[in-house]
Amino acid sequence: MSAYMTLLTPMTDQQCLLAALADLGFDGAKVEVHATPVNLVGYAGDRRAQTANIVIRRQHVGAASNDVGFLASATGYQAFVSGYDHPRFGTGWLTQLNSRYQSHWTAKQERLA
């Protein structure tokens, strides 16, 4: 069983995070959104202790992978990525995700101004 790592992000806007995930290939068909956090699932189908509001299920992450999740908090979403999946969905991927998020957030602020 691969342990989950918690990665803090500055992303706070759900709509912008979902748009950024879509930009990176995880559209609405591959992402679950929950008002109440749900448990993540490991590669063997085991229910994990980590919970998330936004979940990319393991079948969309890759063979033998675990779910990737984002838990909402007042200071930003916490990303949960397993040690096994960290090479693909770790710091570099989160940097790309944050870049796309910032683009969507800026566009949203301009629309609201």
PDB file of N, CA and C in Angstrom:
ATOM      1  N   MET A   1       0.855  -1.170   0.000  1.00  0.00           N
ATOM      2  CA  MET A   1       0.000   0.000   0.000  1.00  0.00           C
ATOM      3  C   MET A   1       0.898   1.230   0.000  1.00  0.00           C
ATOM      4  N   SER A   2       0.628   2.133  -0.890  1.00  0.00           N
ATOM      5  CA  SER A   2       1.405   3.360  -1.023  1.00  0.00           C
ATOM      6  C   SER A   2       0.783   4.452  -0.159  1.00  0.00           C
ATOM      7  N   ALA A   3       1.598   5.097   0.660  1.00  0.00           N
ATOM      8  CA  ALA A   3       1.102   6.153   1.541  1.00  0.00           C
ATOM      9  C   ALA A   3       0.769   7.407   0.740  1.00  0.00           C
ATOM     10  N   TYR A   4      -0.248   8.107   1.202  1.00  0.00           N
ATOM     11  CA  TYR A   4      -0.611   9.380   0.582  1.00  0.00           C
ATOM     12  C   TYR A   4       0.245  10.501   1.149  1.00  0.00           C
ATOM     13  N   MET A   5       0.622  11.430   0.282  1.00  0.00           N
ATOM     14  CA  MET A   5       1.294  12.653   0.688  1.00  0.00           C
ATOM     15  C   MET A   5       0.272  13.771   0.603  1.00  0.00           C
ATOM     16  N   THR A   6       0.342  14.701   1.536  1.00  0.00           N
ATOM     17  CA  THR A   6      -0.526  15.870   1.523  1.00  0.00           C
ATOM     18  C   THR A   6       0.279  17.046   0.998  1.00  0.00           C
ATOM     19  N   LEU A   7      -0.186  17.635  -0.078  1.00  0.00           N
ATOM     20  CA  LEU A   7       0.492  18.771  -0.702  1.00  0.00           C
ATOM     21  C   LEU A   7      -0.436  19.977  -0.622  1.00  0.00           C
ATOM     22  N   LEU A   8       0.015  21.024   0.027  1.00  0.00           N
ATOM     23  CA  LEU A   8      -0.808  22.221   0.186  1.00  0.00           C
ATOM     24  C   LEU A   8      -0.769  23.050  -1.084  1.00  0.00           C
ATOM     25  N   THR A   9      -1.904  23.605  -1.453  1.00  0.00           N
ATOM     26  CA  THR A   9      -1.978  24.463  -2.639  1.00  0.00           C
ATOM     27  C   THR A   9      -2.615  25.795  -2.243  1.00  0.00           C
ATOM     28  N   PRO A  10      -2.366  26.842  -3.013  1.00  0.00           N
ATOM     29  CA  PRO A  10      -3.015  28.131  -2.755  1.00  0.00           C
ATOM     30  C   PRO A  10      -4.383  28.247  -3.434  1.00  0.00           C
ATOM     31  N   MET A  11      -4.818  27.201  -4.112  1.00  0.00           N
ATOM     32  CA  MET A  11      -6.059  27.247  -4.893  1.00  0.00           C
ATOM     33  C   MET A  11      -7.274  27.167  -3.967  1.00  0.00           C
ATOM     34  N   THR A  12      -8.181  28.130  -4.075  1.00  0.00           N
ATOM     35  CA  THR A  12      -9.366  28.168  -3.217  1.00  0.00           C
ATOM     36  C   THR A  12     -10.681  28.129  -3.990  1.00  0.00           C
ATOM     37  N   ASP A  13     -10.652  28.383  -5.281  1.00  0.00           N
ATOM     38  CA  ASP A  13     -11.863  28.488  -6.091  1.00  0.00           C
ATOM     39  C   ASP A  13     -12.127  27.166  -6.816  1.00  0.00           C
ATOM     40  N   GLN A  14     -13.233  26.521  -6.449  1.00  0.00           N
ATOM     41  CA  GLN A  14     -13.549  25.211  -7.024  1.00  0.00           C
ATOM     42  C   GLN A  14     -13.727  25.273  -8.538  1.00  0.00           C
ATOM     43  N   GLN A  15     -14.448  26.267  -9.023  1.00  0.00           N
ATOM     44  CA  GLN A  15     -14.706  26.393 -10.460  1.00  0.00           C
ATOM     45  C   GLN A  15     -13.394  26.512 -11.238  1.00  0.00           C
ATOM     46  N   CYS A  16     -12.476  27.314 -10.739  1.00  0.00           N
ATOM     47  CA  CYS A  16     -11.187  27.501 -11.420  1.00  0.00           C
ATOM     48  C   CYS A  16     -10.330  26.241 -11.341  1.00  0.00           C
ATOM     49  N   LEU A  17     -10.388  25.532 -10.215  1.00  0.00           N
ATOM     50  CA  LEU A  17      -9.642  24.278 -10.083  1.00  0.00           C
ATOM     51  C   LEU A  17     -10.174  23.241 -11.063  1.00  0.00           C
ATOM     52  N   LEU A  18     -11.481  23.130 -11.186  1.00  0.00           N
ATOM     53  CA  LEU A  18     -12.063  22.168 -12.125  1.00  0.00           C
ATOM     54  C   LEU A  18     -11.696  22.515 -13.567  1.00  0.00           C
ATOM     55  N   ALA A  19     -11.684  23.794 -13.902  1.00  0.00           N
ATOM     56  CA  ALA A  19     -11.295  24.221 -15.253  1.00  0.00           C
ATOM     57  C   ALA A  19      -9.826  23.888 -15.507  1.00  0.00           C
ATOM     58  N   ALA A  20      -8.976  24.089 -14.501  1.00  0.00           N
ATOM     59  CA  ALA A  20      -7.550  23.774 -14.639  1.00  0.00           C
ATOM     60  C   ALA A  20      -7.343  22.273 -14.807  1.00  0.00           C
ATOM     61  N   LEU A  21      -8.090  21.466 -14.060  1.00  0.00           N
ATOM     62  CA  LEU A  21      -7.998  20.010 -14.213  1.00  0.00           C
ATOM     63  C   LEU A  21      -8.421  19.599 -15.624  1.00  0.00           C
ATOM     64  N   ALA A  22      -9.468  20.226 -16.139  1.00  0.00           N
ATOM     65  CA  ALA A  22      -9.917  19.929 -17.505  1.00  0.00           C
ATOM     66  C   ALA A  22      -8.828  20.272 -18.512  1.00  0.00           C
ATOM     67  N   ASP A  23      -8.131  21.378 -18.291  1.00  0.00           N
ATOM     68  CA  ASP A  23      -7.031  21.767 -19.181  1.00  0.00           C
ATOM     69  C   ASP A  23      -5.941  20.700 -19.225  1.00  0.00           C
ATOM     70  N   LEU A  24      -5.772  19.977 -18.112  1.00  0.00           N
ATOM     71  CA  LEU A  24      -4.734  18.949 -18.028  1.00  0.00           C
ATOM     72  C   LEU A  24      -5.268  17.553 -18.355  1.00  0.00           C
ATOM     73  N   GLY A  25      -6.480  17.500 -18.931  1.00  0.00           N
ATOM     74  CA  GLY A  25      -7.014  16.231 -19.409  1.00  0.00           C
ATOM     75  C   GLY A  25      -8.007  15.544 -18.501  1.00  0.00           C
ATOM     76  N   PHE A  26      -8.378  16.188 -17.400  1.00  0.00           N
ATOM     77  CA  PHE A  26      -9.336  15.592 -16.472  1.00  0.00           C
ATOM     78  C   PHE A  26     -10.624  16.404 -16.496  1.00  0.00           C
ATOM     79  N   ASP A  27     -11.454  16.123 -17.509  1.00  0.00           N
ATOM     80  CA  ASP A  27     -12.706  16.856 -17.658  1.00  0.00           C
ATOM     81  C   ASP A  27     -13.752  16.318 -16.688  1.00  0.00           C
ATOM     82  N   GLY A  28     -14.958  16.847 -16.791  1.00  0.00           N
ATOM     83  CA  GLY A  28     -16.035  16.477 -15.886  1.00  0.00           C
ATOM     84  C   GLY A  28     -16.359  14.998 -15.843  1.00  0.00           C
ATOM     85  N   ALA A  29     -16.101  14.270 -16.926  1.00  0.00           N
ATOM     86  CA  ALA A  29     -16.369  12.834 -16.950  1.00  0.00           C
ATOM     87  C   ALA A  29     -15.356  12.055 -16.112  1.00  0.00           C
ATOM     88  N   LYS A  30     -14.217  12.658 -15.813  1.00  0.00           N
ATOM     89  CA  LYS A  30     -13.153  11.973 -15.071  1.00  0.00           C
ATOM     90  C   LYS A  30     -12.984  12.494 -13.649  1.00  0.00           C
ATOM     91  N   VAL A  31     -13.769  13.501 -13.287  1.00  0.00           N
ATOM     92  CA  VAL A  31     -13.619  14.132 -11.978  1.00  0.00           C
ATOM     93  C   VAL A  31     -14.952  14.086 -11.235  1.00  0.00           C
ATOM     94  N   GLU A  32     -14.899  13.665  -9.978  1.00  0.00           N
ATOM     95  CA  GLU A  32     -16.080  13.686  -9.116  1.00  0.00           C
ATOM     96  C   GLU A  32     -15.995  14.907  -8.208  1.00  0.00           C
ATOM     97  N   VAL A  33     -17.133  15.564  -7.993  1.00  0.00           N
ATOM     98  CA  VAL A  33     -17.200  16.712  -7.093  1.00  0.00           C
ATOM     99  C   VAL A  33     -18.228  16.390  -6.013  1.00  0.00           C
ATOM    100  N   HIS A  34     -17.821  16.546  -4.752  1.00  0.00           N
ATOM    101  CA  HIS A  34     -18.680  16.210  -3.617  1.00  0.00           C
ATOM    102  C   HIS A  34     -18.730  17.372  -2.636  1.00  0.00           C
ATOM    103  N   ALA A  35     -19.932  17.748  -2.208  1.00  0.00           N
ATOM    104  CA  ALA A  35     -20.077  18.793  -1.190  1.00  0.00           C
ATOM    105  C   ALA A  35     -19.490  18.311   0.136  1.00  0.00           C
ATOM    106  N   THR A  36     -19.728  17.046   0.448  1.00  0.00           N
ATOM    107  CA  THR A  36     -19.165  16.420   1.640  1.00  0.00           C
ATOM    108  C   THR A  36     -18.023  15.524   1.187  1.00  0.00           C
ATOM    109  N   PRO A  37     -16.838  15.655   1.785  1.00  0.00           N
ATOM    110  CA  PRO A  37     -15.694  14.842   1.353  1.00  0.00           C
ATOM    111  C   PRO A  37     -15.985  13.340   1.418  1.00  0.00           C
ATOM    112  N   VAL A  38     -15.448  12.609   0.440  1.00  0.00           N
ATOM    113  CA  VAL A  38     -15.583  11.152   0.376  1.00  0.00           C
ATOM    114  C   VAL A  38     -14.194  10.523   0.493  1.00  0.00           C
ATOM    115  N   ASN A  39     -14.167   9.255   0.902  1.00  0.00           N
ATOM    116  CA  ASN A  39     -12.894   8.550   1.041  1.00  0.00           C
ATOM    117  C   ASN A  39     -12.250   8.295  -0.307  1.00  0.00           C
ATOM    118  N   LEU A  40     -10.933   8.411  -0.341  1.00  0.00           N
ATOM    119  CA  LEU A  40     -10.174   8.023  -1.523  1.00  0.00           C
ATOM    120  C   LEU A  40     -10.020   6.510  -1.512  1.00  0.00           C
ATOM    121  N   VAL A  41      -9.704   5.945  -2.680  1.00  0.00           N
ATOM    122  CA  VAL A  41      -9.576   4.500  -2.838  1.00  0.00           C
ATOM    123  C   VAL A  41      -8.174   4.187  -3.341  1.00  0.00           C
ATOM    124  N   GLY A  42      -7.552   3.176  -2.737  1.00  0.00           N
ATOM    125  CA  GLY A  42      -6.214   2.753  -3.131  1.00  0.00           C
ATOM    126  C   GLY A  42      -6.242   1.859  -4.359  1.00  0.00           C
ATOM    127  N   TYR A  43      -5.057   1.502  -4.843  1.00  0.00           N
ATOM    128  CA  TYR A  43      -4.937   0.721  -6.080  1.00  0.00           C
ATOM    129  C   TYR A  43      -5.609  -0.643  -5.994  1.00  0.00           C
ATOM    130  N   ALA A  44      -5.705  -1.213  -4.784  1.00  0.00           N
ATOM    131  CA  ALA A  44      -6.315  -2.533  -4.618  1.00  0.00           C
ATOM    132  C   ALA A  44      -7.813  -2.443  -4.337  1.00  0.00           C
ATOM    133  N   GLY A  45      -8.368  -1.242  -4.431  1.00  0.00           N
ATOM    134  CA  GLY A  45      -9.788  -1.060  -4.166  1.00  0.00           C
ATOM    135  C   GLY A  45     -10.098  -0.831  -2.699  1.00  0.00           C
ATOM    136  N   ASP A  46      -9.060  -0.650  -1.893  1.00  0.00           N
ATOM    137  CA  ASP A  46      -9.237  -0.435  -0.460  1.00  0.00           C
ATOM    138  C   ASP A  46      -9.598   1.016  -0.163  1.00  0.00           C
ATOM    139  N   ARG A  47     -10.498   1.186   0.773  1.00  0.00           N
ATOM    140  CA  ARG A  47     -10.934   2.525   1.187  1.00  0.00           C
ATOM    141  C   ARG A  47      -9.851   3.133   2.073  1.00  0.00           C
ATOM    142  N   ARG A  48      -9.411   4.330   1.726  1.00  0.00           N
ATOM    143  CA  ARG A  48      -8.335   4.986   2.471  1.00  0.00           C
ATOM    144  C   ARG A  48      -8.907   5.998   3.465  1.00  0.00           C
ATOM    145  N   ALA A  49      -8.093   6.384   4.432  1.00  0.00           N
ATOM    146  CA  ALA A  49      -8.531   7.323   5.468  1.00  0.00           C
ATOM    147  C   ALA A  49      -8.689   8.742   4.925  1.00  0.00           C
ATOM    148  N   GLN A  50      -7.937   9.084   3.884  1.00  0.00           N
ATOM    149  CA  GLN A  50      -7.989  10.433   3.325  1.00  0.00           C
ATOM    150  C   GLN A  50      -9.330  10.665   2.633  1.00  0.00           C
ATOM    151  N   THR A  51      -9.859  11.869   2.812  1.00  0.00           N
ATOM    152  CA  THR A  51     -11.112  12.242   2.160  1.00  0.00           C
ATOM    153  C   THR A  51     -10.880  13.480   1.299  1.00  0.00           C
ATOM    154  N   ALA A  52     -11.733  13.643   0.297  1.00  0.00           N
ATOM    155  CA  ALA A  52     -11.574  14.770  -0.622  1.00  0.00           C
ATOM    156  C   ALA A  52     -12.922  15.189  -1.197  1.00  0.00           C
ATOM    157  N   ASN A  53     -13.003  16.474  -1.549  1.00  0.00           N
ATOM    158  CA  ASN A  53     -14.194  17.008  -2.208  1.00  0.00           C
ATOM    159  C   ASN A  53     -14.136  16.816  -3.717  1.00  0.00           C
ATOM    160  N   ILE A  54     -12.934  16.859  -4.269  1.00  0.00           N
ATOM    161  CA  ILE A  54     -12.725  16.662  -5.702  1.00  0.00           C
ATOM    162  C   ILE A  54     -11.844  15.428  -5.854  1.00  0.00           C
ATOM    163  N   VAL A  55     -12.328  14.446  -6.626  1.00  0.00           N
ATOM    164  CA  VAL A  55     -11.625  13.166  -6.732  1.00  0.00           C
ATOM    165  C   VAL A  55     -11.437  12.779  -8.192  1.00  0.00           C
ATOM    166  N   ILE A  56     -10.208  12.401  -8.519  1.00  0.00           N
ATOM    167  CA  ILE A  56      -9.915  11.752  -9.797  1.00  0.00           C
ATOM    168  C   ILE A  56      -9.713  10.286  -9.442  1.00  0.00           C
ATOM    169  N   ARG A  57     -10.658   9.443  -9.832  1.00  0.00           N
ATOM    170  CA  ARG A  57     -10.588   8.027  -9.468  1.00  0.00           C
ATOM    171  C   ARG A  57      -9.429   7.339 -10.175  1.00  0.00           C
ATOM    172  N   ARG A  58      -8.949   6.292  -9.554  1.00  0.00           N
ATOM    173  CA  ARG A  58      -7.720   5.616  -9.993  1.00  0.00           C
ATOM    174  C   ARG A  58      -7.785   5.116 -11.424  1.00  0.00           C
ATOM    175  N   GLN A  59      -8.948   4.732 -11.925  1.00  0.00           N
ATOM    176  CA  GLN A  59      -9.036   4.244 -13.302  1.00  0.00           C
ATOM    177  C   GLN A  59      -8.708   5.341 -14.312  1.00  0.00           C
ATOM    178  N   HIS A  60      -8.800   6.611 -13.896  1.00  0.00           N
ATOM    179  CA  HIS A  60      -8.456   7.729 -14.780  1.00  0.00           C
ATOM    180  C   HIS A  60      -7.025   8.213 -14.569  1.00  0.00           C
ATOM    181  N   VAL A  61      -6.387   7.728 -13.507  1.00  0.00           N
ATOM    182  CA  VAL A  61      -5.020   8.143 -13.173  1.00  0.00           C
ATOM    183  C   VAL A  61      -4.004   7.259 -13.877  1.00  0.00           C
ATOM    184  N   GLY A  62      -4.246   5.949 -13.894  1.00  0.00           N
ATOM    185  CA  GLY A  62      -3.328   5.030 -14.552  1.00  0.00           C
ATOM    186  C   GLY A  62      -3.372   3.658 -13.912  1.00  0.00           C
ATOM    187  N   ALA A  63      -2.824   2.682 -14.611  1.00  0.00           N
ATOM    188  CA  ALA A  63      -2.808   1.308 -14.115  1.00  0.00           C
ATOM    189  C   ALA A  63      -2.078   1.251 -12.777  1.00  0.00           C
ATOM    190  N   ALA A  64      -2.626   0.503 -11.845  1.00  0.00           N
ATOM    191  CA  ALA A  64      -2.051   0.294 -10.514  1.00  0.00           C
ATOM    192  C   ALA A  64      -1.925   1.593  -9.721  1.00  0.00           C
ATOM    193  N   SER A  65      -2.726   2.591 -10.061  1.00  0.00           N
ATOM    194  CA  SER A  65      -2.658   3.875  -9.366  1.00  0.00           C
ATOM    195  C   SER A  65      -3.709   3.965  -8.272  1.00  0.00           C
ATOM    196  N   ASN A  66      -3.584   4.995  -7.455  1.00  0.00           N
ATOM    197  CA  ASN A  66      -4.532   5.325  -6.403  1.00  0.00           C
ATOM    198  C   ASN A  66      -5.320   6.559  -6.837  1.00  0.00           C
ATOM    199  N   ASP A  67      -6.450   6.805  -6.176  1.00  0.00           N
ATOM    200  CA  ASP A  67      -7.184   8.041  -6.438  1.00  0.00           C
ATOM    201  C   ASP A  67      -6.299   9.245  -6.127  1.00  0.00           C
ATOM    202  N   VAL A  68      -6.544  10.344  -6.813  1.00  0.00           N
ATOM    203  CA  VAL A  68      -5.943  11.639  -6.494  1.00  0.00           C
ATOM    204  C   VAL A  68      -7.095  12.506  -5.998  1.00  0.00           C
ATOM    205  N   GLY A  69      -6.882  13.207  -4.884  1.00  0.00           N
ATOM    206  CA  GLY A  69      -7.969  13.992  -4.326  1.00  0.00           C
ATOM    207  C   GLY A  69      -7.572  15.381  -3.897  1.00  0.00           C
ATOM    208  N   PHE A  70      -8.586  16.245  -3.791  1.00  0.00           N
ATOM    209  CA  PHE A  70      -8.401  17.622  -3.338  1.00  0.00           C
ATOM    210  C   PHE A  70      -9.440  17.902  -2.260  1.00  0.00           C
ATOM    211  N   LEU A  71      -8.962  18.238  -1.074  1.00  0.00           N
ATOM    212  CA  LEU A  71      -9.834  18.546   0.054  1.00  0.00           C
ATOM    213  C   LEU A  71      -9.885  20.054   0.247  1.00  0.00           C
ATOM    214  N   ALA A  72     -11.092  20.613   0.253  1.00  0.00           N
ATOM    215  CA  ALA A  72     -11.261  22.059   0.416  1.00  0.00           C
ATOM    216  C   ALA A  72     -10.918  22.480   1.837  1.00  0.00           C
ATOM    217  N   SER A  73     -10.210  23.602   1.946  1.00  0.00           N
ATOM    218  CA  SER A  73      -9.948  24.226   3.244  1.00  0.00           C
ATOM    219  C   SER A  73      -9.974  25.736   3.044  1.00  0.00           C
ATOM    220  N   ALA A  74     -10.038  26.471   4.122  1.00  0.00           N
ATOM    221  CA  ALA A  74     -10.118  27.933   4.037  1.00  0.00           C
ATOM    222  C   ALA A  74      -8.878  28.545   3.401  1.00  0.00           C
ATOM    223  N   THR A  75      -7.744  27.873   3.521  1.00  0.00           N
ATOM    224  CA  THR A  75      -6.486  28.428   3.006  1.00  0.00           C
ATOM    225  C   THR A  75      -6.096  27.866   1.646  1.00  0.00           C
ATOM    226  N   GLY A  76      -6.876  26.951   1.113  1.00  0.00           N
ATOM    227  CA  GLY A  76      -6.575  26.361  -0.188  1.00  0.00           C
ATOM    228  C   GLY A  76      -6.798  24.864  -0.176  1.00  0.00           C
ATOM    229  N   TYR A  77      -6.994  24.305  -1.350  1.00  0.00           N
ATOM    230  CA  TYR A  77      -7.197  22.861  -1.450  1.00  0.00           C
ATOM    231  C   TYR A  77      -5.927  22.122  -1.058  1.00  0.00           C
ATOM    232  N   GLN A  78      -6.101  21.042  -0.307  1.00  0.00           N
ATOM    233  CA  GLN A  78      -5.005  20.127  -0.007  1.00  0.00           C
ATOM    234  C   GLN A  78      -5.080  19.012  -1.039  1.00  0.00           C
ATOM    235  N   ALA A  79      -3.982  18.763  -1.713  1.00  0.00           N
ATOM    236  CA  ALA A  79      -3.938  17.685  -2.703  1.00  0.00           C
ATOM    237  C   ALA A  79      -3.415  16.424  -2.032  1.00  0.00           C
ATOM    238  N   PHE A  80      -4.071  15.299  -2.293  1.00  0.00           N
ATOM    239  CA  PHE A  80      -3.617  14.001  -1.802  1.00  0.00           C
ATOM    240  C   PHE A  80      -3.151  13.181  -2.991  1.00  0.00           C
ATOM    241  N   VAL A  81      -1.867  12.863  -2.990  1.00  0.00           N
ATOM    242  CA  VAL A  81      -1.248  12.081  -4.061  1.00  0.00           C
ATOM    243  C   VAL A  81      -0.451  10.969  -3.399  1.00  0.00           C
ATOM    244  N   SER A  82      -0.618   9.736  -3.874  1.00  0.00           N
ATOM    245  CA  SER A  82       0.122   8.625  -3.274  1.00  0.00           C
ATOM    246  C   SER A  82       1.599   8.687  -3.659  1.00  0.00           C
ATOM    247  N   GLY A  83       2.413   8.048  -2.857  1.00  0.00           N
ATOM    248  CA  GLY A  83       3.840   7.972  -3.163  1.00  0.00           C
ATOM    249  C   GLY A  83       4.088   7.332  -4.514  1.00  0.00           C
ATOM    250  N   TYR A  84       3.279   6.341  -4.871  1.00  0.00           N
ATOM    251  CA  TYR A  84       3.413   5.666  -6.165  1.00  0.00           C
ATOM    252  C   TYR A  84       3.126   6.632  -7.317  1.00  0.00           C
ATOM    253  N   ASP A  85       2.123   7.465  -7.144  1.00  0.00           N
ATOM    254  CA  ASP A  85       1.698   8.384  -8.207  1.00  0.00           C
ATOM    255  C   ASP A  85       2.426   9.727  -8.180  1.00  0.00           C
ATOM    256  N   HIS A  86       3.213   9.967  -7.140  1.00  0.00           N
ATOM    257  CA  HIS A  86       3.893  11.257  -6.992  1.00  0.00           C
ATOM    258  C   HIS A  86       4.794  11.608  -8.173  1.00  0.00           C
ATOM    259  N   PRO A  87       5.531  10.657  -8.771  1.00  0.00           N
ATOM    260  CA  PRO A  87       6.356  11.053  -9.922  1.00  0.00           C
ATOM    261  C   PRO A  87       5.542  11.694 -11.052  1.00  0.00           C
ATOM    262  N   ARG A  88       4.308  11.248 -11.242  1.00  0.00           N
ATOM    263  CA  ARG A  88       3.470  11.801 -12.313  1.00  0.00           C
ATOM    264  C   ARG A  88       2.611  12.973 -11.844  1.00  0.00           C
ATOM    265  N   PHE A  89       2.111  12.898 -10.609  1.00  0.00           N
ATOM    266  CA  PHE A  89       1.159  13.897 -10.110  1.00  0.00           C
ATOM    267  C   PHE A  89       1.698  14.664  -8.907  1.00  0.00           C
ATOM    268  N   GLY A  90       3.000  14.844  -8.849  1.00  0.00           N
ATOM    269  CA  GLY A  90       3.627  15.543  -7.736  1.00  0.00           C
ATOM    270  C   GLY A  90       3.813  17.020  -8.005  1.00  0.00           C
ATOM    271  N   THR A  91       4.928  17.531  -7.561  1.00  0.00           N
ATOM    272  CA  THR A  91       5.207  18.964  -7.595  1.00  0.00           C
ATOM    273  C   THR A  91       5.147  19.558  -8.998  1.00  0.00           C
ATOM    274  N   GLY A  92       5.743  18.888  -9.976  1.00  0.00           N
ATOM    275  CA  GLY A  92       5.729  19.418 -11.348  1.00  0.00           C
ATOM    276  C   GLY A  92       4.324  19.529 -11.905  1.00  0.00           C
ATOM    277  N   TRP A  93       3.529  18.487 -11.700  1.00  0.00           N
ATOM    278  CA  TRP A  93       2.147  18.485 -12.179  1.00  0.00           C
ATOM    279  C   TRP A  93       1.334  19.549 -11.457  1.00  0.00           C
ATOM    280  N   LEU A  94       1.537  19.662 -10.135  1.00  0.00           N
ATOM    281  CA  LEU A  94       0.805  20.677  -9.378  1.00  0.00           C
ATOM    282  C   LEU A  94       1.201  22.089  -9.797  1.00  0.00           C
ATOM    283  N   THR A  95       2.450  22.275 -10.202  1.00  0.00           N
ATOM    284  CA  THR A  95       2.883  23.579 -10.710  1.00  0.00           C
ATOM    285  C   THR A  95       2.134  23.917 -11.997  1.00  0.00           C
ATOM    286  N   GLN A  96       2.008  22.929 -12.893  1.00  0.00           N
ATOM    287  CA  GLN A  96       1.239  23.133 -14.132  1.00  0.00           C
ATOM    288  C   GLN A  96      -0.226  23.418 -13.807  1.00  0.00           C
ATOM    289  N   LEU A  97      -0.770  22.644 -12.875  1.00  0.00           N
ATOM    290  CA  LEU A  97      -2.165  22.824 -12.482  1.00  0.00           C
ATOM    291  C   LEU A  97      -2.379  24.226 -11.914  1.00  0.00           C
ATOM    292  N   ASN A  98      -1.476  24.661 -11.052  1.00  0.00           N
ATOM    293  CA  ASN A  98      -1.601  25.991 -10.458  1.00  0.00           C
ATOM    294  C   ASN A  98      -1.491  27.089 -11.514  1.00  0.00           C
ATOM    295  N   SER A  99      -0.638  26.894 -12.496  1.00  0.00           N
ATOM    296  CA  SER A  99      -0.506  27.870 -13.582  1.00  0.00           C
ATOM    297  C   SER A  99      -1.821  28.006 -14.348  1.00  0.00           C
ATOM    298  N   ARG A 100      -2.436  26.874 -14.674  1.00  0.00           N
ATOM    299  CA  ARG A 100      -3.722  26.902 -15.369  1.00  0.00           C
ATOM    300  C   ARG A 100      -4.799  27.507 -14.461  1.00  0.00           C
ATOM    301  N   TYR A 101      -4.760  27.154 -13.178  1.00  0.00           N
ATOM    302  CA  TYR A 101      -5.703  27.708 -12.201  1.00  0.00           C
ATOM    303  C   TYR A 101      -5.602  29.231 -12.185  1.00  0.00           C
ATOM    304  N   GLN A 102      -4.378  29.750 -12.122  1.00  0.00           N
ATOM    305  CA  GLN A 102      -4.173  31.199 -12.069  1.00  0.00           C
ATOM    306  C   GLN A 102      -4.746  31.883 -13.311  1.00  0.00           C
ATOM    307  N   SER A 103      -4.597  31.247 -14.470  1.00  0.00           N
ATOM    308  CA  SER A 103      -5.169  31.803 -15.703  1.00  0.00           C
ATOM    309  C   SER A 103      -6.685  31.895 -15.606  1.00  0.00           C
ATOM    310  N   HIS A 104      -7.311  30.836 -15.119  1.00  0.00           N
ATOM    311  CA  HIS A 104      -8.769  30.830 -14.981  1.00  0.00           C
ATOM    312  C   HIS A 104      -9.225  31.811 -13.902  1.00  0.00           C
ATOM    313  N   TRP A 105      -8.471  31.889 -12.813  1.00  0.00           N
ATOM    314  CA  TRP A 105      -8.826  32.795 -11.725  1.00  0.00           C
ATOM    315  C   TRP A 105      -8.744  34.245 -12.192  1.00  0.00           C
ATOM    316  N   THR A 106      -7.677  34.586 -12.922  1.00  0.00           N
ATOM    317  CA  THR A 106      -7.514  35.946 -13.441  1.00  0.00           C
ATOM    318  C   THR A 106      -8.653  36.298 -14.395  1.00  0.00           C
ATOM    319  N   ALA A 107      -8.988  35.378 -15.290  1.00  0.00           N
ATOM    320  CA  ALA A 107     -10.088  35.617 -16.235  1.00  0.00           C
ATOM    321  C   ALA A 107     -11.408  35.799 -15.486  1.00  0.00           C
ATOM    322  N   LYS A 108     -11.619  35.026 -14.445  1.00  0.00           N
ATOM    323  CA  LYS A 108     -12.847  35.146 -13.652  1.00  0.00           C
ATOM    324  C   LYS A 108     -12.908  36.510 -12.963  1.00  0.00           C
ATOM    325  N   GLN A 109     -11.797  36.961 -12.408  1.00  0.00           N
ATOM    326  CA  GLN A 109     -11.758  38.266 -11.741  1.00  0.00           C
ATOM    327  C   GLN A 109     -12.039  39.393 -12.732  1.00  0.00           C
ATOM    328  N   GLU A 110     -11.519  39.264 -13.953  1.00  0.00           N
ATOM    329  CA  GLU A 110     -11.760  40.279 -14.985  1.00  0.00           C
ATOM    330  C   GLU A 110     -13.234  40.316 -15.380  1.00  0.00           C
ATOM    331  N   ARG A 111     -13.871  39.140 -15.450  1.00  0.00           N
ATOM    332  CA  ARG A 111     -15.298  39.088 -15.778  1.00  0.00           C
ATOM    333  C   ARG A 111     -16.137  39.732 -14.674  1.00  0.00           C
ATOM    334  N   LEU A 112     -15.712  39.558 -13.425  1.00  0.00           N
ATOM    335  CA  LEU A 112     -16.470  40.085 -12.288  1.00  0.00           C
ATOM    336  C   LEU A 112     -16.252  41.579 -12.065  1.00  0.00           C
ATOM    337  N   ALA A 113     -15.174  42.114 -12.637  1.00  0.00           N
ATOM    338  CA  ALA A 113     -14.839  43.542 -12.416  1.00  0.00           C
ATOM    339  C   ALA A 113     -15.757  44.466 -13.191  1.00  0.00           C
TER     340      ALA A 113
END
